[in-house]
């Protein structure tokens, strides 16, 4: 796993979602981002994450089902970005 990319994503998630009380080291890269157990994000946050990936990495996510897979955790986001970035 690309540690730098994972750390960048953690910081970008904190910045984009205004999670001021959260530090990058507080986010478990393999924990679920949505629901119980992780950051407890909701559907509004999901839209913010889609925008984050488009803005920072130039990747468009148009299929909601694919989005569910991509945004399971910080690690799955990093894997998707690595696999699809040119």
Foldseek 3Di string as FASTA:
>chain_A
DPPVQLLVLLVLLCVLVVVVVDDSVNADQQFFCDDPTGVNDDPVSLVSVQVSCCVPQVDHDDDVVVSCQCRRGSVSVSVVSVVPGD
